[in-house]
């Protein structure tokens, strides 16, 4: 089984590939398979086999057996442990509009160690209602409730102009990590982890890739 390696010793690129490995391995496990080779993983995920072996070695001490490969259950357990998915973390979401509603309604987060326990908004039409059982509170209650619930992760899905104020309210309540879907740069202390989801940048990359594919088909 795994050796709980320090996350700081693993590259961001490797960490970014781990969820894809996890989804793939769970699919194989559900299909009844017990072992898998790094070559098979690489081919199915269109990755380099050497990179796959290196990634797995970074987060697991599970040794692949010649001709048999890796024990899928052991790899799944090691990735879950490394990423903290085996220890569900509570989170709150601010902004219960279209995007926020979709995020709260996505039940798959619990499979990746995230449990949204409350949402916040400024709209009187939303406050007091629920999304998939998650209650929506007034945004003015963010700091107080986050502190009371002892939540460490905050998700921001508000307009750009409100993002910094929301981030400040979350950190004042004790949040230590922010998943930011607002198209705004957040000024926060160095001890607050921030992951920005830039949808415009992602669309630009997708559009560029599409243009390349169409050009090569001419």
N, C-alpha and C. Protein backbone atom coordinates (compact mmCIF):
# COMPACT_ATOMS: atom_id res chain seq x y z
N UNK A 1 0.83 -1.19 0.00
CA UNK A 1 0.00 0.00 0.00
C UNK A 1 0.87 1.24 0.00
N UNK A 2 0.25 2.40 0.01
CA UNK A 2 0.97 3.65 -0.15
C UNK A 2 1.76 4.04 1.07
N UNK A 3 2.61 5.08 0.88
CA UNK A 3 3.49 5.51 1.95
C UNK A 3 3.23 6.95 2.35
N UNK A 4 2.06 7.50 1.95
CA UNK A 4 1.68 8.86 2.33
C UNK A 4 2.79 9.87 2.05
N UNK A 5 3.31 9.88 0.86
CA UNK A 5 4.36 10.81 0.49
C UNK A 5 3.88 12.25 0.62
N UNK A 6 4.82 13.13 0.90
CA UNK A 6 4.46 14.54 1.05
C UNK A 6 4.01 15.10 -0.29
N UNK A 7 2.88 15.78 -0.27
CA UNK A 7 2.32 16.34 -1.50
C UNK A 7 3.24 17.40 -2.11
N UNK A 8 4.05 18.07 -1.28
CA UNK A 8 4.94 19.11 -1.78
C UNK A 8 6.06 18.55 -2.63
N UNK A 9 6.32 17.24 -2.57
CA UNK A 9 7.39 16.63 -3.34
C UNK A 9 6.92 16.16 -4.71
N UNK A 10 5.66 16.33 -4.98
CA UNK A 10 5.09 15.87 -6.25
C UNK A 10 4.71 17.06 -7.11
N UNK A 11 5.02 17.00 -8.39
CA UNK A 11 4.77 18.13 -9.27
C UNK A 11 3.27 18.38 -9.46
N UNK A 12 2.94 19.63 -9.81
CA UNK A 12 1.55 19.98 -10.06
C UNK A 12 1.01 19.22 -11.26
N UNK A 13 1.89 18.96 -12.24
CA UNK A 13 1.46 18.23 -13.43
C UNK A 13 1.02 16.81 -13.06
N UNK A 14 1.80 16.17 -12.19
CA UNK A 14 1.45 14.82 -11.75
C UNK A 14 0.14 14.83 -10.98
N UNK A 15 0.00 15.77 -10.04
CA UNK A 15 -1.22 15.87 -9.25
C UNK A 15 -2.43 16.09 -10.16
N UNK A 16 -2.24 16.90 -11.20
CA UNK A 16 -3.33 17.19 -12.13
C UNK A 16 -3.78 15.97 -12.91
N UNK A 17 -2.89 14.98 -13.09
CA UNK A 17 -3.26 13.77 -13.83
C UNK A 17 -3.91 12.71 -12.94
N UNK A 18 -3.73 12.81 -11.63
CA UNK A 18 -4.21 11.77 -10.73
C UNK A 18 -5.73 11.54 -10.79
N UNK A 19 -6.56 12.60 -10.86
CA UNK A 19 -8.01 12.34 -10.96
C UNK A 19 -8.39 11.53 -12.20
N UNK A 20 -7.67 11.75 -13.30
CA UNK A 20 -7.95 10.97 -14.52
C UNK A 20 -7.59 9.51 -14.31
N UNK A 21 -6.44 9.27 -13.65
CA UNK A 21 -6.07 7.89 -13.33
C UNK A 21 -7.13 7.25 -12.44
N UNK A 22 -7.59 8.01 -11.47
CA UNK A 22 -8.57 7.48 -10.52
C UNK A 22 -9.87 7.10 -11.21
N UNK A 23 -10.39 7.98 -12.06
CA UNK A 23 -11.62 7.68 -12.80
C UNK A 23 -11.44 6.42 -13.64
N UNK A 24 -10.32 6.36 -14.33
CA UNK A 24 -10.03 5.22 -15.20
C UNK A 24 -9.96 3.92 -14.41
N UNK A 25 -9.23 3.95 -13.29
CA UNK A 25 -9.07 2.73 -12.48
C UNK A 25 -10.39 2.27 -11.88
N UNK A 26 -11.24 3.23 -11.47
CA UNK A 26 -12.54 2.86 -10.92
C UNK A 26 -13.42 2.22 -11.98
N UNK A 27 -13.33 2.70 -13.21
CA UNK A 27 -14.09 2.11 -14.31
C UNK A 27 -13.64 0.68 -14.55
N UNK A 28 -12.32 0.46 -14.50
CA UNK A 28 -11.78 -0.89 -14.70
C UNK A 28 -12.20 -1.80 -13.56
N UNK A 29 -12.20 -1.28 -12.35
CA UNK A 29 -12.60 -2.08 -11.19
C UNK A 29 -14.07 -2.47 -11.30
N UNK A 30 -14.90 -1.53 -11.71
CA UNK A 30 -16.33 -1.82 -11.87
C UNK A 30 -16.57 -2.85 -12.97
N UNK A 31 -15.68 -2.88 -13.94
CA UNK A 31 -15.80 -3.84 -15.04
C UNK A 31 -15.31 -5.23 -14.62
N UNK A 32 -14.82 -5.34 -13.38
CA UNK A 32 -14.39 -6.64 -12.88
C UNK A 32 -12.92 -6.93 -13.02
N UNK A 33 -12.14 -5.96 -13.52
CA UNK A 33 -10.70 -6.19 -13.67
C UNK A 33 -9.98 -5.97 -12.34
N UNK A 34 -8.93 -6.74 -12.11
CA UNK A 34 -8.21 -6.67 -10.84
C UNK A 34 -6.81 -6.10 -10.98
N UNK A 35 -6.21 -6.26 -12.15
CA UNK A 35 -4.87 -5.75 -12.37
C UNK A 35 -4.82 -4.94 -13.65
N UNK A 36 -3.81 -4.08 -13.75
CA UNK A 36 -3.65 -3.22 -14.93
C UNK A 36 -2.18 -2.88 -15.09
N UNK A 37 -1.73 -2.76 -16.31
CA UNK A 37 -0.33 -2.37 -16.56
C UNK A 37 -0.25 -0.89 -16.85
N UNK A 38 0.91 -0.30 -16.60
CA UNK A 38 1.10 1.12 -16.88
C UNK A 38 0.98 1.38 -18.38
N UNK A 39 1.37 0.39 -19.18
CA UNK A 39 1.26 0.53 -20.63
C UNK A 39 -0.19 0.64 -21.06
N UNK A 40 -1.05 -0.18 -20.46
CA UNK A 40 -2.48 -0.14 -20.79
C UNK A 40 -3.09 1.19 -20.38
N UNK A 41 -2.71 1.67 -19.19
CA UNK A 41 -3.21 2.97 -18.72
C UNK A 41 -2.80 4.06 -19.69
N UNK A 42 -1.53 4.04 -20.09
CA UNK A 42 -1.00 5.06 -21.00
C UNK A 42 -1.73 5.04 -22.34
N UNK A 43 -1.95 3.84 -22.88
CA UNK A 43 -2.61 3.74 -24.19
C UNK A 43 -4.04 4.24 -24.12
N UNK A 44 -4.77 3.85 -23.09
CA UNK A 44 -6.18 4.24 -22.98
C UNK A 44 -6.36 5.72 -22.71
N UNK A 45 -5.42 6.31 -21.94
CA UNK A 45 -5.52 7.73 -21.59
C UNK A 45 -4.69 8.62 -22.52
N UNK A 46 -4.06 7.97 -23.52
CA UNK A 46 -3.24 8.69 -24.51
C UNK A 46 -2.11 9.48 -23.82
N UNK A 47 -1.39 8.77 -22.94
CA UNK A 47 -0.26 9.35 -22.23
C UNK A 47 0.98 8.53 -22.54
N UNK A 48 2.12 9.03 -22.09
CA UNK A 48 3.38 8.32 -22.26
C UNK A 48 3.53 7.29 -21.14
N UNK A 49 3.87 6.05 -21.49
CA UNK A 49 3.95 4.98 -20.50
C UNK A 49 5.00 5.27 -19.43
N UNK A 50 6.10 5.86 -19.83
CA UNK A 50 7.15 6.21 -18.86
C UNK A 50 6.62 7.24 -17.87
N UNK A 51 5.85 8.21 -18.37
CA UNK A 51 5.28 9.23 -17.50
C UNK A 51 4.29 8.61 -16.52
N UNK A 52 3.48 7.68 -17.00
CA UNK A 52 2.51 7.02 -16.13
C UNK A 52 3.21 6.27 -15.00
N UNK A 53 4.25 5.52 -15.34
CA UNK A 53 5.00 4.78 -14.31
C UNK A 53 5.63 5.73 -13.31
N UNK A 54 6.14 6.85 -13.79
CA UNK A 54 6.75 7.85 -12.91
C UNK A 54 5.71 8.47 -11.99
N UNK A 55 4.54 8.81 -12.55
CA UNK A 55 3.46 9.40 -11.75
C UNK A 55 3.05 8.45 -10.63
N UNK A 56 2.84 7.19 -10.98
CA UNK A 56 2.38 6.22 -9.98
C UNK A 56 3.44 5.98 -8.91
N UNK A 57 4.71 5.99 -9.32
CA UNK A 57 5.79 5.79 -8.35
C UNK A 57 5.88 6.97 -7.38
N UNK A 58 5.46 8.15 -7.84
CA UNK A 58 5.52 9.33 -6.99
C UNK A 58 4.55 9.25 -5.82
N UNK A 59 3.42 8.60 -6.02
CA UNK A 59 2.37 8.62 -4.99
C UNK A 59 2.06 7.26 -4.38
N UNK A 60 2.74 6.22 -4.87
CA UNK A 60 2.42 4.88 -4.39
C UNK A 60 3.66 4.02 -4.30
N UNK A 61 3.68 3.10 -3.35
CA UNK A 61 4.76 2.12 -3.25
C UNK A 61 4.32 0.77 -3.79
N UNK A 62 3.12 0.73 -4.38
CA UNK A 62 2.63 -0.50 -4.99
C UNK A 62 3.53 -0.86 -6.17
N UNK A 63 4.07 -2.04 -6.18
CA UNK A 63 4.97 -2.46 -7.24
C UNK A 63 4.20 -3.23 -8.30
N UNK A 64 4.42 -2.86 -9.54
CA UNK A 64 3.80 -3.60 -10.62
C UNK A 64 4.48 -4.95 -10.80
N UNK A 65 3.70 -6.00 -11.04
CA UNK A 65 4.25 -7.33 -11.19
C UNK A 65 4.43 -7.64 -12.68
N UNK A 66 5.55 -8.24 -13.04
CA UNK A 66 5.77 -8.58 -14.46
C UNK A 66 4.61 -9.39 -15.01
N UNK A 67 4.13 -9.02 -16.18
CA UNK A 67 3.05 -9.67 -16.92
C UNK A 67 1.66 -9.47 -16.27
N UNK A 68 1.61 -9.15 -14.98
CA UNK A 68 0.33 -8.97 -14.30
C UNK A 68 -0.04 -7.50 -14.11
N UNK A 69 0.97 -6.67 -13.93
CA UNK A 69 0.72 -5.26 -13.72
C UNK A 69 0.45 -4.91 -12.27
N UNK A 70 -0.29 -3.81 -12.06
CA UNK A 70 -0.59 -3.31 -10.73
C UNK A 70 -1.94 -3.83 -10.23
N UNK A 71 -2.05 -3.99 -8.92
CA UNK A 71 -3.33 -4.30 -8.31
C UNK A 71 -4.18 -3.02 -8.34
N UNK A 72 -5.29 -3.05 -9.06
CA UNK A 72 -6.12 -1.86 -9.24
C UNK A 72 -6.63 -1.32 -7.91
N UNK A 73 -7.09 -2.19 -7.03
CA UNK A 73 -7.63 -1.75 -5.74
C UNK A 73 -6.59 -1.01 -4.92
N UNK A 74 -5.34 -1.50 -4.96
CA UNK A 74 -4.27 -0.84 -4.20
C UNK A 74 -3.95 0.53 -4.76
N UNK A 75 -3.92 0.65 -6.10
CA UNK A 75 -3.65 1.95 -6.71
C UNK A 75 -4.76 2.95 -6.38
N UNK A 76 -6.01 2.51 -6.44
CA UNK A 76 -7.13 3.38 -6.11
C UNK A 76 -7.01 3.87 -4.67
N UNK A 77 -6.69 2.97 -3.76
CA UNK A 77 -6.55 3.34 -2.35
C UNK A 77 -5.42 4.34 -2.16
N UNK A 78 -4.30 4.16 -2.86
CA UNK A 78 -3.16 5.07 -2.71
C UNK A 78 -3.47 6.46 -3.27
N UNK A 79 -4.15 6.51 -4.42
CA UNK A 79 -4.49 7.82 -4.99
C UNK A 79 -5.50 8.53 -4.10
N UNK A 80 -6.50 7.81 -3.62
CA UNK A 80 -7.47 8.40 -2.70
C UNK A 80 -6.79 8.96 -1.47
N UNK A 81 -5.87 8.19 -0.91
CA UNK A 81 -5.18 8.62 0.30
C UNK A 81 -4.30 9.84 0.02
N UNK A 82 -3.58 9.79 -1.09
CA UNK A 82 -2.67 10.89 -1.42
C UNK A 82 -3.42 12.20 -1.62
N UNK A 83 -4.55 12.14 -2.33
CA UNK A 83 -5.32 13.35 -2.63
C UNK A 83 -6.26 13.74 -1.49
N UNK A 84 -6.37 12.87 -0.49
CA UNK A 84 -7.26 13.18 0.62
C UNK A 84 -8.70 12.83 0.36
N UNK A 85 -8.97 12.08 -0.71
CA UNK A 85 -10.34 11.74 -1.05
C UNK A 85 -10.95 10.75 -0.06
N UNK A 86 -10.08 10.09 0.73
CA UNK A 86 -10.60 9.16 1.72
C UNK A 86 -10.99 9.87 3.01
N UNK A 87 -10.84 11.20 3.01
CA UNK A 87 -11.20 12.00 4.19
C UNK A 87 -12.02 13.19 3.70
N UNK A 88 -13.33 13.01 3.64
CA UNK A 88 -14.22 14.01 3.04
C UNK A 88 -14.12 15.34 3.77
N UNK A 89 -13.94 16.41 3.00
CA UNK A 89 -13.81 17.75 3.55
C UNK A 89 -15.06 18.57 3.24
N UNK A 90 -15.60 19.21 4.25
CA UNK A 90 -16.77 20.07 4.05
C UNK A 90 -16.38 21.36 3.35
N UNK A 91 -17.29 21.89 2.56
CA UNK A 91 -17.05 23.14 1.83
C UNK A 91 -18.34 23.95 1.78
N UNK A 92 -18.20 25.25 1.53
CA UNK A 92 -19.37 26.10 1.29
C UNK A 92 -19.22 26.73 -0.08
N UNK A 93 -20.34 27.09 -0.68
CA UNK A 93 -20.34 27.73 -1.98
C UNK A 93 -21.02 29.09 -1.88
N UNK A 94 -20.42 30.09 -2.50
CA UNK A 94 -21.01 31.43 -2.51
C UNK A 94 -21.39 31.79 -3.94
N UNK A 95 -22.67 32.05 -4.14
CA UNK A 95 -23.19 32.32 -5.47
C UNK A 95 -24.05 31.16 -5.92
N UNK A 96 -25.34 31.22 -5.64
CA UNK A 96 -26.24 30.09 -5.93
C UNK A 96 -27.02 30.29 -7.21
N UNK A 97 -26.46 31.06 -8.15
CA UNK A 97 -27.11 31.26 -9.44
C UNK A 97 -26.93 30.05 -10.33
N UNK A 98 -26.88 30.27 -11.65
CA UNK A 98 -26.80 29.16 -12.59
C UNK A 98 -25.61 28.24 -12.36
N UNK A 99 -24.39 28.81 -12.35
CA UNK A 99 -23.19 28.00 -12.15
C UNK A 99 -23.17 27.39 -10.76
N UNK A 100 -23.46 28.21 -9.74
CA UNK A 100 -23.45 27.71 -8.37
C UNK A 100 -24.45 26.59 -8.17
N UNK A 101 -25.63 26.75 -8.76
CA UNK A 101 -26.68 25.72 -8.66
C UNK A 101 -26.18 24.41 -9.26
N UNK A 102 -25.49 24.50 -10.40
CA UNK A 102 -24.96 23.30 -11.06
C UNK A 102 -23.88 22.64 -10.21
N UNK A 103 -23.04 23.45 -9.60
CA UNK A 103 -21.96 22.90 -8.77
C UNK A 103 -22.51 22.19 -7.55
N UNK A 104 -23.47 22.81 -6.89
CA UNK A 104 -24.07 22.19 -5.70
C UNK A 104 -24.81 20.92 -6.09
N UNK A 105 -25.45 20.95 -7.25
CA UNK A 105 -26.24 19.80 -7.68
C UNK A 105 -25.43 18.63 -8.18
N UNK A 106 -24.14 18.85 -8.40
CA UNK A 106 -23.28 17.77 -8.89
C UNK A 106 -22.90 16.85 -7.74
N UNK A 107 -23.50 15.68 -7.70
CA UNK A 107 -23.27 14.75 -6.60
C UNK A 107 -21.90 14.08 -6.62
N UNK A 108 -21.20 14.17 -7.74
CA UNK A 108 -19.91 13.49 -7.87
C UNK A 108 -18.80 14.03 -6.99
N UNK A 109 -18.96 15.25 -6.47
CA UNK A 109 -17.90 15.83 -5.64
C UNK A 109 -17.57 14.96 -4.44
N UNK A 110 -18.58 14.31 -3.88
CA UNK A 110 -18.35 13.49 -2.68
C UNK A 110 -17.40 12.34 -2.97
N UNK A 111 -17.38 11.90 -4.23
CA UNK A 111 -16.45 10.84 -4.60
C UNK A 111 -15.01 11.33 -4.59
N UNK A 112 -14.84 12.64 -4.58
CA UNK A 112 -13.50 13.22 -4.60
C UNK A 112 -13.21 14.01 -3.32
N UNK A 113 -13.90 13.63 -2.25
CA UNK A 113 -13.57 14.18 -0.95
C UNK A 113 -14.14 15.55 -0.65
N UNK A 114 -15.17 16.00 -1.39
CA UNK A 114 -15.73 17.33 -1.16
C UNK A 114 -17.22 17.24 -0.88
N UNK A 115 -17.64 17.82 0.23
CA UNK A 115 -19.04 17.80 0.64
C UNK A 115 -19.52 19.23 0.87
N UNK A 116 -20.34 19.74 -0.04
CA UNK A 116 -20.85 21.11 0.09
C UNK A 116 -21.99 21.11 1.10
N UNK A 117 -21.78 21.80 2.21
CA UNK A 117 -22.75 21.76 3.30
C UNK A 117 -23.65 22.99 3.35
N UNK A 118 -23.27 24.08 2.67
CA UNK A 118 -24.08 25.29 2.69
C UNK A 118 -23.74 26.16 1.49
N UNK A 119 -24.72 26.94 1.06
CA UNK A 119 -24.53 27.89 -0.03
C UNK A 119 -24.97 29.27 0.44
N UNK A 120 -24.46 30.31 -0.21
CA UNK A 120 -24.78 31.69 0.17
C UNK A 120 -25.10 32.49 -1.08
N UNK A 121 -26.01 33.46 -0.91
CA UNK A 121 -26.35 34.32 -2.04
C UNK A 121 -26.93 35.63 -1.49
N UNK A 122 -27.05 36.63 -2.36
CA UNK A 122 -27.62 37.92 -1.95
C UNK A 122 -29.07 38.06 -2.42
N UNK A 123 -29.53 37.12 -3.25
CA UNK A 123 -30.87 37.23 -3.79
C UNK A 123 -31.93 36.78 -2.80
N UNK A 124 -32.90 37.63 -2.49
CA UNK A 124 -34.00 37.25 -1.59
C UNK A 124 -34.80 36.06 -2.13
N UNK A 125 -34.78 35.88 -3.46
CA UNK A 125 -35.52 34.79 -4.08
C UNK A 125 -34.86 33.42 -3.82
N UNK A 126 -33.58 33.44 -3.45
CA UNK A 126 -32.85 32.20 -3.23
C UNK A 126 -32.62 31.89 -1.74
N UNK A 127 -32.43 32.94 -0.95
CA UNK A 127 -32.17 32.77 0.48
C UNK A 127 -33.33 32.03 1.15
N UNK A 128 -32.99 31.01 1.91
CA UNK A 128 -34.00 30.21 2.60
C UNK A 128 -34.42 28.97 1.84
N UNK A 129 -34.02 28.88 0.58
CA UNK A 129 -34.35 27.70 -0.22
C UNK A 129 -33.20 26.68 -0.13
N UNK A 130 -33.34 25.57 -0.82
CA UNK A 130 -32.29 24.56 -0.83
C UNK A 130 -32.01 24.10 -2.25
N UNK A 131 -30.79 23.57 -2.45
CA UNK A 131 -30.41 22.94 -3.71
C UNK A 131 -29.93 21.54 -3.37
N UNK A 132 -30.69 20.53 -3.80
CA UNK A 132 -30.33 19.15 -3.50
C UNK A 132 -30.11 18.95 -2.00
N UNK A 133 -30.92 19.62 -1.21
CA UNK A 133 -30.81 19.48 0.24
C UNK A 133 -29.82 20.41 0.90
N UNK A 134 -29.07 21.19 0.11
CA UNK A 134 -28.09 22.13 0.66
C UNK A 134 -28.78 23.48 0.89
N UNK A 135 -28.81 23.98 2.12
CA UNK A 135 -29.50 25.23 2.41
C UNK A 135 -28.76 26.46 1.88
N UNK A 136 -29.53 27.46 1.47
CA UNK A 136 -28.95 28.72 0.97
C UNK A 136 -29.17 29.80 2.02
N UNK A 137 -28.08 30.42 2.45
CA UNK A 137 -28.14 31.48 3.46
C UNK A 137 -27.79 32.83 2.84
N UNK A 138 -28.08 33.89 3.58
CA UNK A 138 -27.72 35.24 3.14
C UNK A 138 -26.20 35.39 3.13
N UNK A 139 -25.68 36.09 2.14
CA UNK A 139 -24.24 36.28 2.02
C UNK A 139 -23.66 36.99 3.24
N UNK A 140 -24.47 37.77 3.90
CA UNK A 140 -23.99 38.48 5.09
C UNK A 140 -23.64 37.53 6.23
N UNK A 141 -24.05 36.28 6.11
CA UNK A 141 -23.81 35.27 7.16
C UNK A 141 -22.57 34.43 6.90
N UNK A 142 -21.85 34.72 5.81
CA UNK A 142 -20.72 33.86 5.42
C UNK A 142 -19.72 33.65 6.55
N UNK A 143 -19.14 34.72 7.04
CA UNK A 143 -18.08 34.60 8.05
C UNK A 143 -18.56 33.86 9.30
N UNK A 144 -19.73 34.23 9.78
CA UNK A 144 -20.23 33.63 11.02
C UNK A 144 -20.50 32.13 10.86
N UNK A 145 -21.18 31.76 9.78
CA UNK A 145 -21.53 30.36 9.60
C UNK A 145 -20.33 29.49 9.23
N UNK A 146 -19.43 30.03 8.42
CA UNK A 146 -18.22 29.28 8.07
C UNK A 146 -17.41 28.96 9.33
N UNK A 147 -17.32 29.94 10.21
CA UNK A 147 -16.59 29.72 11.47
C UNK A 147 -17.32 28.69 12.33
N UNK A 148 -18.64 28.79 12.39
CA UNK A 148 -19.42 27.87 13.22
C UNK A 148 -19.35 26.43 12.69
N UNK A 149 -19.37 26.30 11.36
CA UNK A 149 -19.33 24.98 10.73
C UNK A 149 -17.91 24.42 10.63
N UNK A 150 -16.93 25.27 10.91
CA UNK A 150 -15.51 24.87 10.83
C UNK A 150 -15.15 24.36 9.43
N UNK A 151 -15.59 25.10 8.42
CA UNK A 151 -15.35 24.73 7.03
C UNK A 151 -14.01 25.29 6.55
N UNK A 152 -13.25 24.48 5.81
CA UNK A 152 -11.92 24.90 5.36
C UNK A 152 -11.85 25.24 3.88
N UNK A 153 -12.88 24.87 3.11
CA UNK A 153 -12.86 25.14 1.67
C UNK A 153 -14.05 26.00 1.27
N UNK A 154 -13.78 27.03 0.49
CA UNK A 154 -14.84 27.90 -0.03
C UNK A 154 -14.82 27.90 -1.55
N UNK A 155 -15.99 27.84 -2.15
CA UNK A 155 -16.11 27.88 -3.61
C UNK A 155 -16.80 29.18 -4.00
N UNK A 156 -16.17 29.93 -4.87
CA UNK A 156 -16.70 31.24 -5.28
C UNK A 156 -17.26 31.15 -6.69
N UNK A 157 -18.57 31.45 -6.82
CA UNK A 157 -19.23 31.45 -8.13
C UNK A 157 -20.09 32.70 -8.25
N UNK A 158 -19.47 33.84 -7.98
CA UNK A 158 -20.17 35.12 -8.01
C UNK A 158 -19.59 35.99 -9.12
N UNK A 159 -20.26 37.10 -9.48
CA UNK A 159 -19.71 38.02 -10.48
C UNK A 159 -18.36 38.57 -10.04
N UNK A 160 -17.55 38.95 -11.01
CA UNK A 160 -16.19 39.43 -10.77
C UNK A 160 -16.12 40.52 -9.71
N UNK A 161 -17.05 41.47 -9.76
CA UNK A 161 -17.01 42.62 -8.86
C UNK A 161 -17.16 42.23 -7.39
N UNK A 162 -17.79 41.09 -7.12
CA UNK A 162 -18.04 40.69 -5.74
C UNK A 162 -17.04 39.66 -5.22
N UNK A 163 -16.17 39.17 -6.08
CA UNK A 163 -15.30 38.05 -5.73
C UNK A 163 -14.36 38.35 -4.56
N UNK A 164 -13.70 39.52 -4.58
CA UNK A 164 -12.75 39.82 -3.52
C UNK A 164 -13.43 39.94 -2.16
N UNK A 165 -14.57 40.60 -2.13
CA UNK A 165 -15.31 40.75 -0.87
C UNK A 165 -15.72 39.38 -0.32
N UNK A 166 -16.15 38.50 -1.20
CA UNK A 166 -16.54 37.15 -0.79
C UNK A 166 -15.33 36.39 -0.26
N UNK A 167 -14.20 36.50 -0.97
CA UNK A 167 -12.98 35.81 -0.54
C UNK A 167 -12.54 36.29 0.84
N UNK A 168 -12.65 37.59 1.08
CA UNK A 168 -12.28 38.15 2.38
C UNK A 168 -13.19 37.61 3.49
N UNK A 169 -14.50 37.50 3.18
CA UNK A 169 -15.45 36.99 4.16
C UNK A 169 -15.18 35.52 4.47
N UNK A 170 -14.82 34.76 3.45
CA UNK A 170 -14.52 33.35 3.65
C UNK A 170 -13.28 33.16 4.51
N UNK A 171 -12.22 33.89 4.20
CA UNK A 171 -10.99 33.75 4.97
C UNK A 171 -11.16 34.25 6.39
N UNK A 172 -12.00 35.26 6.57
CA UNK A 172 -12.27 35.76 7.92
C UNK A 172 -12.97 34.69 8.75
N UNK A 173 -13.70 33.79 8.08
CA UNK A 173 -14.39 32.71 8.78
C UNK A 173 -13.52 31.50 9.02
N UNK A 174 -12.30 31.50 8.48
CA UNK A 174 -11.39 30.39 8.71
C UNK A 174 -11.12 29.50 7.53
N UNK A 175 -11.67 29.83 6.36
CA UNK A 175 -11.41 29.04 5.16
C UNK A 175 -9.93 29.11 4.81
N UNK A 176 -9.36 27.97 4.43
CA UNK A 176 -7.93 27.93 4.11
C UNK A 176 -7.66 27.64 2.64
N UNK A 177 -8.71 27.32 1.89
CA UNK A 177 -8.55 27.04 0.46
C UNK A 177 -9.77 27.55 -0.29
N UNK A 178 -9.53 28.17 -1.45
CA UNK A 178 -10.62 28.74 -2.23
C UNK A 178 -10.56 28.24 -3.67
N UNK A 179 -11.70 27.75 -4.14
CA UNK A 179 -11.86 27.34 -5.54
C UNK A 179 -12.62 28.47 -6.21
N UNK A 180 -11.94 29.23 -7.05
CA UNK A 180 -12.47 30.46 -7.59
C UNK A 180 -12.94 30.33 -9.04
N UNK A 181 -14.26 30.42 -9.24
CA UNK A 181 -14.84 30.37 -10.58
C UNK A 181 -15.12 31.77 -11.13
N UNK A 182 -14.87 32.79 -10.32
CA UNK A 182 -15.07 34.17 -10.77
C UNK A 182 -13.86 34.61 -11.59
N UNK A 183 -14.09 35.38 -12.62
CA UNK A 183 -12.97 35.83 -13.47
C UNK A 183 -12.30 37.04 -12.84
N UNK A 184 -11.77 36.83 -11.65
CA UNK A 184 -11.14 37.92 -10.91
C UNK A 184 -9.90 37.43 -10.19
N UNK A 185 -8.86 38.27 -10.16
CA UNK A 185 -7.66 37.95 -9.39
C UNK A 185 -7.93 38.28 -7.93
N UNK A 186 -7.66 37.33 -7.06
CA UNK A 186 -7.92 37.52 -5.63
C UNK A 186 -6.64 37.84 -4.88
N UNK A 187 -6.69 38.87 -4.06
CA UNK A 187 -5.56 39.23 -3.20
C UNK A 187 -5.79 38.60 -1.84
N UNK A 188 -5.01 37.55 -1.56
CA UNK A 188 -5.19 36.80 -0.33
C UNK A 188 -3.85 36.50 0.32
N UNK A 189 -3.84 36.19 1.61
CA UNK A 189 -2.58 35.84 2.29
C UNK A 189 -1.94 34.61 1.65
N UNK A 190 -0.64 34.49 1.81
CA UNK A 190 0.10 33.38 1.21
C UNK A 190 -0.31 32.02 1.77
N UNK A 191 -0.88 32.02 2.96
CA UNK A 191 -1.24 30.73 3.57
C UNK A 191 -2.66 30.28 3.19
N UNK A 192 -3.25 30.94 2.19
CA UNK A 192 -4.55 30.53 1.65
C UNK A 192 -4.33 29.93 0.27
N UNK A 193 -4.73 28.67 0.09
CA UNK A 193 -4.58 28.01 -1.21
C UNK A 193 -5.70 28.47 -2.14
N UNK A 194 -5.34 28.82 -3.38
CA UNK A 194 -6.34 29.29 -4.34
C UNK A 194 -6.18 28.54 -5.66
N UNK A 195 -7.29 28.06 -6.20
CA UNK A 195 -7.29 27.46 -7.55
C UNK A 195 -8.30 28.23 -8.38
N UNK A 196 -7.80 28.91 -9.41
CA UNK A 196 -8.67 29.70 -10.29
C UNK A 196 -9.10 28.87 -11.49
N UNK A 197 -10.41 28.85 -11.75
CA UNK A 197 -10.94 28.17 -12.93
C UNK A 197 -11.27 29.24 -13.97
N UNK A 198 -10.40 29.40 -14.96
CA UNK A 198 -10.58 30.41 -16.00
C UNK A 198 -11.27 29.78 -17.20
N UNK A 199 -12.58 29.92 -17.27
CA UNK A 199 -13.34 29.29 -18.34
C UNK A 199 -13.03 29.91 -19.70
N UNK A 200 -12.74 31.20 -19.73
CA UNK A 200 -12.41 31.85 -21.00
C UNK A 200 -11.12 31.27 -21.56
N UNK A 201 -10.14 31.05 -20.68
CA UNK A 201 -8.87 30.48 -21.12
C UNK A 201 -9.06 29.05 -21.61
N UNK A 202 -9.88 28.29 -20.90
CA UNK A 202 -10.15 26.91 -21.31
C UNK A 202 -10.84 26.87 -22.67
N UNK A 203 -11.78 27.79 -22.90
CA UNK A 203 -12.48 27.84 -24.17
C UNK A 203 -11.52 28.23 -25.29
N UNK A 204 -10.60 29.15 -24.99
CA UNK A 204 -9.63 29.58 -25.99
C UNK A 204 -8.74 28.41 -26.41
N UNK A 205 -8.32 27.61 -25.44
CA UNK A 205 -7.48 26.45 -25.73
C UNK A 205 -8.26 25.43 -26.57
N UNK A 206 -9.52 25.21 -26.18
CA UNK A 206 -10.36 24.28 -26.93
C UNK A 206 -10.58 24.75 -28.35
N UNK A 207 -10.85 26.03 -28.52
CA UNK A 207 -11.09 26.59 -29.85
C UNK A 207 -9.84 26.48 -30.73
N UNK A 208 -8.68 26.75 -30.12
CA UNK A 208 -7.42 26.64 -30.85
C UNK A 208 -7.18 25.22 -31.29
N UNK A 209 -7.46 24.26 -30.41
CA UNK A 209 -7.26 22.85 -30.74
C UNK A 209 -8.21 22.43 -31.86
N UNK A 210 -9.46 22.90 -31.80
CA UNK A 210 -10.44 22.59 -32.84
C UNK A 210 -9.97 23.13 -34.19
N UNK A 211 -9.46 24.36 -34.18
CA UNK A 211 -8.98 24.97 -35.43
C UNK A 211 -7.84 24.15 -36.02
N UNK A 212 -6.95 23.64 -35.16
CA UNK A 212 -5.83 22.83 -35.64
C UNK A 212 -6.31 21.52 -36.25
N UNK A 213 -7.31 20.90 -35.60
CA UNK A 213 -7.85 19.63 -36.10
C UNK A 213 -8.50 19.84 -37.46
N UNK A 214 -9.31 20.88 -37.57
CA UNK A 214 -9.99 21.16 -38.85
C UNK A 214 -8.99 21.50 -39.95
N UNK A 215 -7.93 22.24 -39.59
CA UNK A 215 -6.92 22.62 -40.58
C UNK A 215 -6.20 21.38 -41.12
N UNK A 216 -5.89 20.45 -40.19
CA UNK A 216 -5.17 19.23 -40.60
C UNK A 216 -6.03 18.28 -41.41
N UNK A 217 -7.34 18.46 -41.36
CA UNK A 217 -8.25 17.60 -42.11
C UNK A 217 -8.43 18.08 -43.56
N UNK A 218 -7.93 19.28 -43.87
CA UNK A 218 -8.09 19.81 -45.22
C UNK A 218 -7.25 19.03 -46.22
